[in-house]
Protein backbone atom coordinates (compact mmCIF):
# COMPACT_ATOMS: atom_id res chain seq x y z
CA UNK A 1 93.24 111.06 118.81
CA UNK A 2 93.04 108.92 121.30
CA UNK A 3 92.28 105.00 121.46
CA UNK A 4 90.74 103.63 124.37
CA UNK A 5 90.37 99.87 124.49
CA UNK A 6 88.56 97.09 126.70
CA UNK A 7 85.32 99.27 127.30
CA UNK A 8 82.84 96.72 128.64
CA UNK A 9 79.01 97.34 128.72
CA UNK A 10 76.23 95.14 129.06
CA UNK A 11 75.00 93.79 125.51
CA UNK A 12 71.44 95.53 125.63
CA UNK A 13 73.06 99.11 126.84
CA UNK A 14 71.42 102.28 125.93
CA UNK A 15 72.97 104.16 122.96
CA UNK A 16 74.42 107.02 125.41
CA UNK A 17 75.93 104.52 127.76
CA UNK A 18 79.01 104.26 125.47
CA UNK A 19 79.84 107.97 125.88
CA UNK A 20 79.14 107.71 129.46
CA UNK A 21 81.62 105.09 129.96
CA UNK A 22 84.26 107.06 127.94
CA UNK A 23 83.75 110.26 129.98
CA UNK A 24 84.03 108.04 133.44
CA UNK A 25 87.03 106.03 132.02
CA UNK A 26 89.07 109.30 131.23
CA UNK A 27 87.58 111.64 133.95
CA UNK A 28 86.20 113.97 131.19
CA UNK A 29 83.14 116.13 131.20
CA UNK A 30 80.89 116.10 127.99
CA UNK A 31 82.12 119.35 126.87
CA UNK A 32 85.65 117.87 126.59
CA UNK A 33 84.58 115.21 124.22
CA UNK A 34 84.61 116.39 120.47
CA UNK A 35 84.04 113.23 118.51
CA UNK A 36 83.97 109.42 118.97
CA UNK A 37 84.17 106.54 116.61
CA UNK A 38 83.81 102.90 117.35
CA UNK A 39 86.94 101.22 115.90
CA UNK A 40 85.97 97.51 116.88
CA UNK A 41 83.22 95.67 118.77
CA UNK A 42 83.40 92.32 120.01
CA UNK A 43 81.32 90.32 122.55
CA UNK A 44 81.92 88.00 125.53
CA UNK A 45 79.68 85.38 125.81
CA UNK A 46 81.42 82.82 127.91
CA UNK A 47 78.76 80.65 129.82
CA UNK A 48 79.74 81.81 133.21
CA UNK A 49 80.04 85.76 132.74
CA UNK A 50 77.36 88.39 131.98
CA UNK A 51 76.96 88.99 128.23
CA UNK A 52 78.81 91.99 127.22
CA UNK A 53 80.20 94.24 124.34
CA UNK A 54 83.71 95.06 124.33
CA UNK A 55 84.72 98.17 122.55
CA UNK A 56 87.55 99.72 121.21
CA UNK A 57 86.99 103.48 120.62
CA UNK A 58 88.85 106.24 118.92
CA UNK A 59 87.86 109.88 120.11
CA UNK A 60 88.78 113.45 119.40
CA UNK A 61 89.20 115.48 122.74
CA UNK A 62 90.22 118.63 123.99
CA UNK A 63 93.63 118.69 125.63
CA UNK A 64 94.60 115.43 124.09
CA UNK A 65 98.35 115.64 124.92
CA UNK A 66 97.43 116.33 128.54
CA UNK A 67 95.27 113.33 128.59
CA UNK A 68 97.70 111.11 126.93
CA UNK A 69 100.41 112.09 129.60
CA UNK A 70 98.03 111.74 132.35
CA UNK A 71 97.18 107.89 131.34
CA UNK A 72 100.81 107.17 130.01
CA UNK A 73 100.89 103.80 132.18
CA UNK A 74 97.56 102.77 131.05
CA UNK A 75 98.08 100.31 128.11
CA UNK A 76 94.32 100.74 127.26
CA UNK A 77 94.65 104.44 126.56
CA UNK A 78 97.01 105.16 123.68
CA UNK A 79 97.27 107.43 120.43
CA UNK A 80 95.24 106.18 117.57
CA UNK A 81 96.97 105.07 114.54
CA UNK A 82 96.47 106.52 111.42
CA UNK A 83 94.40 104.12 109.52
CA UNK A 84 93.50 106.35 106.56
CA UNK A 85 94.64 105.35 103.19
CA UNK A 86 97.08 107.45 101.28
CA UNK A 87 97.55 107.19 97.48
CA UNK A 88 100.96 106.46 96.37
CA UNK A 89 100.51 108.78 93.24
CA UNK A 90 98.38 111.87 92.90
CA UNK A 91 96.43 112.64 90.04
CA UNK A 92 98.59 115.34 88.41
CA UNK A 93 101.42 112.80 88.37
CA UNK A 94 99.38 110.00 86.69
CA UNK A 95 97.75 112.27 84.34
CA UNK A 96 101.20 113.11 82.91
CA UNK A 97 101.74 109.42 82.14
CA UNK A 98 98.20 109.09 80.73
CA UNK A 99 98.48 111.74 78.33
CA UNK A 100 101.69 110.52 76.84
CA UNK A 101 101.53 109.03 73.28
CA UNK A 102 103.35 105.75 74.44
CA UNK A 103 100.91 105.12 77.37
CA UNK A 104 99.28 101.78 77.51
CA UNK A 105 96.44 101.41 79.97
CA UNK A 106 96.81 98.87 82.74
CA UNK A 107 94.90 95.46 82.14
CA UNK A 108 93.50 93.71 84.96
CA UNK A 109 92.45 90.01 84.34
CA UNK A 110 89.66 89.08 86.78
CA UNK A 111 86.87 90.92 88.53
CA UNK A 112 86.68 89.04 91.83
CA UNK A 113 87.72 91.17 95.06
CA UNK A 114 91.38 91.35 94.02
CA UNK A 115 90.51 92.64 90.57
CA UNK A 116 87.99 95.00 91.67
CA UNK A 117 90.18 96.67 94.29
CA UNK A 118 93.24 96.79 92.00
CA UNK A 119 90.95 98.53 89.22
CA UNK A 120 89.29 100.72 91.62
CA UNK A 121 92.69 101.91 93.32
CA UNK A 122 94.07 102.41 89.61
CA UNK A 123 91.12 104.42 88.52
CA UNK A 124 90.94 106.32 91.54
CA UNK A 125 94.59 107.45 90.71
CA UNK A 126 93.55 108.28 87.30
CA UNK A 127 94.94 105.19 85.41
CA UNK A 128 91.99 104.10 83.70
CA UNK A 129 92.22 100.54 83.82
CA UNK A 130 90.81 97.78 81.48
CA UNK A 131 89.31 95.05 82.97
CA UNK A 132 88.67 91.64 81.37
CA UNK A 133 86.32 89.21 83.16
CA UNK A 134 85.57 85.94 81.39
CA UNK A 135 82.21 85.66 82.81
CA UNK A 136 79.02 87.70 83.00
CA UNK A 137 77.95 90.78 85.02
CA UNK A 138 76.84 89.88 88.45
CA UNK A 139 72.95 89.71 87.79
CA UNK A 140 73.33 87.61 84.60
CA UNK A 141 75.67 85.46 86.59
CA UNK A 142 73.31 84.73 89.23
CA UNK A 143 70.77 83.62 86.93
CA UNK A 144 73.33 81.14 85.32
CA UNK A 145 74.27 80.01 88.90
CA UNK A 146 70.73 79.29 89.74
CA UNK A 147 70.53 77.00 86.46
CA UNK A 148 73.03 74.57 88.07
CA UNK A 149 71.28 74.84 91.49
CA UNK A 150 67.81 74.34 90.17
CA UNK A 151 67.96 72.96 86.90
CA UNK A 152 71.22 70.77 87.05
CA UNK A 153 72.74 72.97 84.13
CA UNK A 154 76.00 74.06 84.21
CA UNK A 155 77.55 76.91 82.34
CA UNK A 156 81.18 76.83 82.46
CA UNK A 157 81.87 80.47 81.88
CA UNK A 158 79.28 81.93 84.19
CA UNK A 159 78.92 80.05 87.71
CA UNK A 160 80.00 80.33 91.33
CA UNK A 161 83.61 80.55 90.19
CA UNK A 162 83.28 82.92 87.16
CA UNK A 163 81.82 86.23 86.65
CA UNK A 164 81.73 89.68 88.26
CA UNK A 165 82.47 89.59 92.11
CA UNK A 166 84.32 86.23 91.83
CA UNK A 167 83.67 83.13 94.09
CA UNK A 168 83.36 85.50 97.09
CA UNK A 169 80.01 86.77 95.84
CA UNK A 170 78.49 83.21 96.51
CA UNK A 171 79.70 82.95 99.95
CA UNK A 172 79.34 84.25 103.40
CA UNK A 173 80.72 87.50 102.29
CA UNK A 174 83.20 87.46 105.39
CA UNK A 175 85.51 90.26 105.69
CA UNK A 176 87.79 89.36 108.56
CA UNK A 177 91.39 87.85 107.74
CA UNK A 178 94.47 87.12 109.83
CA UNK A 179 97.04 88.79 107.33
CA UNK A 180 99.34 91.24 108.83
CA UNK A 181 98.26 94.86 107.64
CA UNK A 182 100.46 97.31 108.94
CA UNK A 183 99.36 99.87 106.30
CA UNK A 184 95.55 99.48 107.18
CA UNK A 185 94.62 98.54 103.57
CA UNK A 186 91.89 96.28 105.20
CA UNK A 187 90.22 99.65 106.47
CA UNK A 188 90.41 100.96 102.81
CA UNK A 189 88.66 97.71 101.70
CA UNK A 190 85.90 98.19 104.46
CA UNK A 191 85.44 101.76 103.64
CA UNK A 192 84.81 101.25 100.02
CA UNK A 193 82.37 98.27 100.56
CA UNK A 194 80.47 100.77 102.94
CA UNK A 195 80.40 103.39 100.38
CA UNK A 196 78.94 100.99 97.89
CA UNK A 197 76.12 100.11 100.11
CA UNK A 198 77.42 97.48 102.66
CA UNK A 199 76.15 97.93 106.19
CA UNK A 200 77.95 100.47 108.58
CA UNK A 201 78.48 98.11 111.06
CA UNK A 202 81.15 96.20 109.03
CA UNK A 203 83.59 98.86 109.98
CA UNK A 204 83.64 97.68 113.58
CA UNK A 205 82.01 94.35 114.44
CA UNK A 206 84.77 91.75 115.25
CA UNK A 207 83.58 89.49 112.50
CA UNK A 208 82.04 91.34 109.66
CA UNK A 209 80.20 89.83 106.72
CA UNK A 210 77.88 91.07 104.14
CA UNK A 211 76.26 88.23 102.49
CA UNK A 212 75.36 87.12 99.11
CA UNK A 213 72.33 89.22 98.01
CA UNK A 214 73.89 92.55 99.55
CA UNK A 215 77.23 91.81 97.75
CA UNK A 216 75.53 91.67 94.34
CA UNK A 217 74.56 95.39 94.74
CA UNK A 218 77.96 96.46 96.19
CA UNK A 219 79.86 94.92 93.43
CA UNK A 220 77.60 96.80 90.80
CA UNK A 221 78.35 100.31 92.47
CA UNK A 222 81.94 99.64 92.76
CA UNK A 223 82.04 98.90 89.04
CA UNK A 224 79.97 102.12 88.39
CA UNK A 225 82.47 103.97 90.13
CA UNK A 226 85.37 102.43 88.21
CA UNK A 227 83.74 103.50 84.97
CA UNK A 228 83.03 106.90 85.88
CA UNK A 229 86.58 107.25 86.88
CA UNK A 230 87.58 106.14 83.18
CA UNK A 231 88.05 102.38 83.68
CA UNK A 232 86.47 100.10 81.34
CA UNK A 233 84.97 96.52 82.17
CA UNK A 234 84.61 93.97 79.41
CA UNK A 235 82.55 91.01 80.11
CA UNK A 236 82.73 87.65 78.54
CA UNK A 237 86.43 88.23 77.42
CA UNK A 238 88.19 85.17 78.15
CA UNK A 239 92.13 85.65 78.28
CA UNK A 240 93.67 82.62 76.27
CA UNK A 241 97.15 83.52 75.90
CA UNK A 242 99.92 86.11 76.69
CA UNK A 243 102.31 87.91 74.41
CA UNK A 244 105.92 88.03 75.86
CA UNK A 245 108.95 89.23 74.40
CA UNK A 246 112.34 89.59 75.85
CA UNK A 247 110.94 88.48 79.21
CA UNK A 248 108.35 91.55 79.22
CA UNK A 249 104.62 91.30 78.77
CA UNK A 250 103.53 92.77 75.64
CA UNK A 251 99.82 91.95 75.50
CA UNK A 252 97.09 89.22 75.99
CA UNK A 253 95.11 87.23 73.43
CA UNK A 254 91.17 87.25 74.06
CA UNK A 255 88.70 84.40 72.76
CA UNK A 256 86.82 86.04 70.00
CA UNK A 257 88.34 89.52 70.30
CA UNK A 258 91.31 91.35 68.80
CA UNK A 259 94.70 90.93 70.81
CA UNK A 260 95.14 93.64 73.49
CA UNK A 261 98.52 95.49 73.81
CA UNK A 262 99.38 96.00 77.46
CA UNK A 263 102.83 96.37 79.29
CA UNK A 264 101.34 96.43 82.81
CA UNK A 265 98.98 93.19 83.44
CA UNK A 266 97.56 92.31 86.62
CA UNK A 267 96.68 88.63 86.91
CA UNK A 268 93.92 88.49 89.40
CA UNK A 269 92.51 85.10 88.68
CA UNK A 270 90.49 83.14 91.26
CA UNK A 271 91.57 79.78 92.20
CA UNK A 272 89.46 77.98 89.65
CA UNK A 273 90.85 79.70 86.45
CA UNK A 274 92.56 76.40 85.34
CA UNK A 275 92.81 77.02 81.94
CA UNK A 276 94.39 80.37 82.12
CA UNK A 277 96.87 78.82 84.80
CA UNK A 278 97.70 76.52 81.77
CA UNK A 279 98.14 79.43 79.20
CA UNK A 280 100.45 81.30 81.78
CA UNK A 281 102.55 78.19 82.16
CA UNK A 282 102.76 77.50 78.38
CA UNK A 283 104.07 81.03 78.24
CA UNK A 284 106.95 80.22 80.43
CA UNK A 285 105.48 82.26 83.51
CA UNK A 286 107.31 80.89 86.57
CA UNK A 287 105.13 79.21 88.90
CA UNK A 288 105.17 76.37 91.52
CA UNK A 289 103.06 73.92 93.17
CA UNK A 290 101.74 74.90 96.90
CA UNK A 291 99.80 73.15 99.46
CA UNK A 292 96.20 73.46 99.77
CA UNK A 293 93.32 71.17 101.61
CA UNK A 294 90.62 68.95 100.60
CA UNK A 295 87.43 67.47 102.43
CA UNK A 296 83.84 67.65 102.87
CA UNK A 297 81.19 70.06 103.99
CA UNK A 298 79.72 69.27 107.28
CA UNK A 299 75.97 70.39 108.29
CA UNK A 300 74.49 70.56 111.83
CA UNK A 301 71.32 72.33 113.06
CA UNK A 302 72.49 75.78 113.87
CA UNK A 303 70.74 75.86 117.00
CA UNK A 304 72.99 73.09 118.07
CA UNK A 305 76.13 75.02 117.32
CA UNK A 306 74.40 78.18 119.10
CA UNK A 307 73.94 76.07 122.17
CA UNK A 308 77.37 74.67 122.40
CA UNK A 309 78.92 77.85 121.58
CA UNK A 310 76.94 80.41 123.51
CA UNK A 311 75.09 78.47 126.38
CA UNK A 312 72.49 80.32 128.01
CA UNK A 313 73.27 83.39 125.62
CA UNK A 314 72.23 81.01 122.41
CA UNK A 315 69.50 82.67 120.27
CA UNK A 316 70.34 86.30 121.48
CA UNK A 317 69.42 88.33 118.40
CA UNK A 318 72.08 90.98 119.31
CA UNK A 319 74.79 88.27 118.77
CA UNK A 320 73.43 86.36 116.09
CA UNK A 321 74.28 82.90 114.86
CA UNK A 322 77.31 81.29 116.38
CA UNK A 323 80.32 80.25 114.24
CA UNK A 324 83.31 78.07 115.26
CA UNK A 325 87.18 77.40 114.21
CA UNK A 326 88.39 74.01 114.84
CA UNK A 327 91.95 72.33 114.42
CA UNK A 328 93.17 68.78 115.01
CA UNK A 329 96.45 66.98 114.36
CA UNK A 330 95.82 63.48 113.35
CA UNK A 331 98.13 60.61 114.35
CA UNK A 332 98.87 60.12 110.63
CA UNK A 333 100.61 63.42 110.80
CA UNK A 334 97.66 65.14 108.87
CA UNK A 335 95.93 68.64 110.00
CA UNK A 336 92.48 68.79 110.00
CA UNK A 337 90.52 72.00 110.40
CA UNK A 338 87.35 73.65 109.69
CA UNK A 339 87.33 76.17 106.81
CA UNK A 340 84.95 78.82 105.60
CA UNK A 341 82.45 78.28 108.51
CA UNK A 342 78.97 79.46 107.46
CA UNK A 343 76.53 80.21 110.25
CA UNK A 344 72.81 79.79 109.34
CA UNK A 345 73.96 79.21 105.75
CA UNK A 346 73.68 76.59 102.83
CA UNK A 347 76.06 74.28 101.13
CA UNK A 348 76.03 75.28 97.44
CA UNK A 349 77.31 73.65 94.20
CA UNK A 350 80.40 75.38 93.11
CA UNK A 351 81.63 73.42 89.93
CA UNK A 352 83.06 75.34 86.85
CA UNK A 353 83.84 72.37 84.88
CA UNK A 354 81.16 69.99 83.31
CA UNK A 355 80.88 66.46 85.16
CA UNK A 356 82.67 67.52 88.36
CA UNK A 357 81.14 68.22 91.78
CA UNK A 358 82.66 70.75 94.02
CA UNK A 359 81.01 72.07 97.21
CA UNK A 360 81.21 75.36 98.97
CA UNK A 361 79.41 77.25 101.68
CA UNK A 362 77.33 80.37 101.52
CA UNK A 363 75.20 82.53 103.92
CA UNK A 364 73.05 85.56 103.45
CA UNK A 365 73.53 88.61 105.68
CA UNK A 366 70.70 87.33 107.98
CA UNK A 367 72.40 84.01 108.53
CA UNK A 368 68.86 82.63 109.55
CA UNK A 369 68.75 79.31 107.55
CA UNK A 370 68.30 76.24 109.64
CA UNK A 371 71.84 74.65 109.29
CA UNK A 372 75.31 75.71 110.13
CA UNK A 373 77.93 74.41 107.63
CA UNK A 374 81.83 74.43 107.13
CA UNK A 375 84.48 72.61 105.33
CA UNK A 376 86.12 69.98 107.39
CA UNK A 377 89.54 69.71 105.37
CA UNK A 378 92.73 67.96 105.35
CA UNK A 379 96.01 69.76 104.42
CA UNK A 380 97.97 68.15 101.48
CA UNK A 381 101.32 69.18 100.22
CA UNK A 382 103.03 68.88 96.52
CA UNK A 383 104.44 65.64 97.91
CA UNK A 384 100.85 64.29 97.76
CA UNK A 385 100.50 65.01 94.07
CA UNK A 386 103.97 65.23 92.31
CA UNK A 387 104.32 66.28 88.62
CA UNK A 388 105.03 69.95 88.57
CA UNK A 389 103.24 73.34 89.25
CA UNK A 390 99.95 72.13 87.40
CA UNK A 391 99.63 68.79 89.23
CA UNK A 392 97.48 70.07 91.99
CA UNK A 393 95.01 71.08 89.23
CA UNK A 394 94.66 67.34 87.85
CA UNK A 395 94.56 66.25 91.69
CA UNK A 396 91.37 68.28 92.19
CA UNK A 397 89.91 67.23 89.00
CA UNK A 398 90.28 63.63 89.96
CA UNK A 399 88.45 64.17 93.13
CA UNK A 400 85.74 66.30 91.59
CA UNK A 401 85.09 63.59 88.79
CA UNK A 402 85.00 60.98 91.04
CA UNK A 403 82.45 62.84 93.32
CA UNK A 404 80.29 63.42 90.25
CA UNK A 405 80.28 59.82 89.56
CA UNK A 406 79.46 58.93 93.29
CA UNK A 407 76.62 61.23 93.27
CA UNK A 408 74.96 59.62 90.43
CA UNK A 409 76.56 61.79 87.39
CA UNK A 410 73.55 64.55 87.61
CA UNK A 411 75.56 67.15 89.66
CA UNK A 412 74.10 65.74 92.91
CA UNK A 413 76.84 65.39 95.55
CA UNK A 414 77.83 62.39 97.48
CA UNK A 415 76.84 62.25 101.09
CA UNK A 416 77.06 60.47 104.40
CA UNK A 417 75.74 60.86 107.69
CA UNK A 418 78.59 61.35 110.27
CA UNK A 419 77.37 58.43 112.39
CA UNK A 420 77.86 56.16 109.29
CA UNK A 421 80.93 57.73 108.26
CA UNK A 422 82.61 56.88 111.62
CA UNK A 423 81.15 53.26 111.49
CA UNK A 424 82.49 52.75 107.97
CA UNK A 425 78.94 51.81 106.74
CA UNK A 426 77.07 53.36 103.56
CA UNK A 427 74.13 55.66 104.49
CA UNK A 428 70.61 55.00 103.18
CA UNK A 429 68.25 57.62 104.59
CA UNK A 430 68.55 61.15 106.22
CA UNK A 431 67.93 61.78 109.81
CA UNK A 432 67.02 64.90 111.80
CA UNK A 433 69.47 67.01 109.40
CA UNK A 434 68.49 67.53 105.88
CA UNK A 435 71.31 68.88 103.67
CA UNK A 436 70.93 72.20 101.98
CA UNK A 437 72.94 71.29 98.75
CA UNK A 438 71.14 71.74 95.51
CA UNK A 439 70.66 70.01 93.12
CA UNK A 440 70.47 67.42 95.86
CA UNK A 441 72.55 64.89 97.93
CA UNK A 442 72.88 61.18 97.11
CA UNK A 443 73.67 59.07 100.09
CA UNK A 444 76.50 56.76 99.74
CA UNK A 445 79.78 55.78 101.34
CA UNK A 446 82.32 58.61 101.17
CA UNK A 447 85.35 56.45 101.84
CA UNK A 448 86.37 56.49 98.11
CA UNK A 449 85.94 60.07 97.58
CA UNK A 450 89.20 61.26 99.23
CA UNK A 451 92.62 59.69 99.58
CA UNK A 452 92.71 56.99 102.55
CA UNK A 453 95.14 59.28 104.75
CA UNK A 454 92.21 62.20 104.54
CA UNK A 455 89.48 59.86 105.38
CA UNK A 456 91.36 58.39 108.23
CA UNK A 457 92.39 61.84 109.40
CA UNK A 458 88.82 63.16 109.25
CA UNK A 459 87.53 59.97 111.13
CA UNK A 460 89.75 60.65 113.80
CA UNK A 461 89.22 64.62 114.13
CA UNK A 462 85.42 64.48 114.21
CA UNK A 463 85.24 62.86 117.87
CA UNK A 464 88.07 65.09 119.01
CA UNK A 465 86.01 68.12 117.88
CA UNK A 466 82.89 66.75 119.71
CA UNK A 467 85.13 67.50 122.81
CA UNK A 468 85.11 71.31 121.86
CA UNK A 469 81.49 71.54 120.63
CA UNK A 470 78.80 69.24 122.08
CA UNK A 471 76.90 67.61 119.30
CA UNK A 472 79.56 68.10 116.57
CA UNK A 473 79.75 64.13 116.18
CA UNK A 474 75.71 64.10 115.88
CA UNK A 475 75.11 60.91 114.11
CA UNK A 476 72.78 62.58 112.07
CA UNK A 477 74.83 65.61 110.71
CA UNK A 478 75.63 65.29 107.03
CA UNK A 479 78.95 65.19 105.14
CA UNK A 480 78.96 66.33 101.54
CA UNK A 481 81.52 66.13 99.18
CA UNK A 482 83.88 67.32 97.93
CA UNK A 483 85.55 70.39 99.12
CA UNK A 484 88.59 70.79 96.72
CA UNK A 485 88.70 74.68 95.91
CA UNK A 486 90.08 75.93 99.53
CA UNK A 487 92.77 77.71 97.85
CA UNK A 488 94.99 77.79 94.66
CA UNK A 489 96.91 74.69 94.40
CA UNK A 490 99.88 76.91 92.79
CA UNK A 491 101.65 80.03 93.34
CA UNK A 492 102.60 82.30 90.45
CA UNK A 493 105.50 83.54 92.40
CA UNK A 494 106.35 87.35 92.32
CA UNK A 495 109.22 89.71 93.66
CA UNK A 496 109.21 92.79 96.04
CA UNK A 497 108.01 94.76 93.31
CA UNK A 498 104.84 92.55 92.76
CA UNK A 499 106.05 91.56 89.26
CA UNK A 500 106.49 88.06 88.10
CA UNK A 501 109.80 86.60 88.93
CA UNK A 502 110.76 86.11 85.20
CA UNK A 503 108.31 88.32 83.24
CA UNK A 504 108.45 92.01 83.65
CA UNK A 505 105.03 93.99 83.76
CA UNK A 506 103.30 90.75 84.96
CA UNK A 507 101.60 91.36 88.25
CA UNK A 508 100.56 88.04 90.02
CA UNK A 509 97.73 88.88 92.62
CA UNK A 510 95.05 87.65 94.81
CA UNK A 511 93.96 84.14 95.50
CA UNK A 512 94.34 82.44 92.19
CA UNK A 513 98.27 83.38 92.50
CA UNK A 514 98.55 82.14 95.79
CA UNK A 515 98.75 85.44 97.74
CA UNK A 516 95.38 85.71 99.43
CA UNK A 517 92.52 83.63 101.03
CA UNK A 518 89.17 85.15 101.17
CA UNK A 519 87.51 88.54 100.32
CA UNK A 520 89.49 90.87 102.73
CA UNK A 521 92.84 89.47 101.95
CA UNK A 522 92.16 89.52 98.26
CA UNK A 523 91.05 93.20 98.16
CA UNK A 524 94.35 93.96 100.22
CA UNK A 525 96.48 92.31 97.84
CA UNK A 526 94.62 93.99 94.95
CA UNK A 527 95.40 97.45 96.47
CA UNK A 528 99.04 96.47 96.96
CA UNK A 529 99.44 95.49 93.67
CA UNK A 530 97.83 98.28 92.01
CA UNK A 531 100.16 100.74 93.90
CA UNK A 532 103.19 98.68 92.60
CA UNK A 533 101.74 99.20 89.15
CA UNK A 534 101.30 102.85 89.59
CA UNK A 535 105.08 103.27 91.07
CA UNK A 536 106.33 101.61 87.83
CA UNK A 537 104.49 103.94 85.65
CA UNK A 538 105.99 106.82 87.48
CA UNK A 539 109.34 105.30 87.39
CA UNK A 540 109.38 105.44 83.79
């Protein structure tokens, strides 16, 4: 196939215009074109140019070699790379292992994006994984999550962090990442989401997303396929310990259930499985502290962001709600950046432990809520929380407990208007921006909610961000605290074979292990680790 890039068309172009542009670009007649597939579509909405879609298209044509030779000096006409997924083991090879008297099925701990894709790939190769998920199935979990948002009641085992689909289920469902992906695992992730009911457009739009409500159905269908292929998903099974002998995993201990023997265990934890991190540490699994970030959620009117980012194109339904990505380096050496920006979304309660407050952001597929929100966070390193691999967890807990107290000890979150935050005075009433966080926002002075270096850096960054997005320092914009779960505070370090550095058969994976940051990268890492497991089975 041939890939053609930089095909520009008016955003309101007719469906047939794309094919016409391809024919014109390559000097082809209609009968020469066999098939076309849009690989990527982005848009150019600069204020001083006509609104346009920019396409990258893969196509099959007659006389392909001749055309490639004709356009050999054109960087925008090249052979298409092979983006299809290729299994590292076939069913016949795997089934030989599965039928062995000594075969132990692979175990996947956690059923978020990483665990789902690890289990799916293993199942598609015939390895019949067993998945242990401490939380509930996604629809039951949704009810428990609403319990905190609507009734101020937290279920520590079923919430925004724990349960089928992982933390990504209650998010914007973003499916873009900056990871290097030379094997195109990301295309496999997108392909499987579409097969499970996600919109076809996520295959080609520049910044694809699914949205929370759609993710629920997608996750259920993927679970069904895993089971149909011989996998097993066990909900409400919390892993509390690990059986390790002679530096090799032998099995896992499960609260209220018999021990499960296993010599291939994928640790696909989210970044909030703090008790499981402790259990791994107690078992002697090597891990190390890593940098992460802390800060607040900031809310603006989405219309303000649209106008600042899209100018005269603001409100165009074909583009949708605008997003942003901001970075600032403060004078005290700290980096401040926007995190998990959710256009037309809401700020959500994301606590997983009693008497603590944590914020996150979420959008539906439509992205049509009144406010835009994003984390405004400050990078920190293990030097800021010395004490070993688990010290970052205690640092997070300290901030989350403080936020709970500052919010009134009811799971309301502490908040402050941006104008008051910059002026260093407490807020007493909301202005034009009404915060979306439920159970509610308790206005106060956020100065004591984060370390002073973080407060100083954010105070310096907001006026700087104003230079990039007019209105960003809007005095009525709302800051809601605290954002602490930006990424895992530790890394369960692994080698080139994806196994723990010191425990054979243990495969740290995904966001909790420090190897991913978001749905797409977690899914990609799940695929990578599943392949490593399959290759290890075949090697023995």
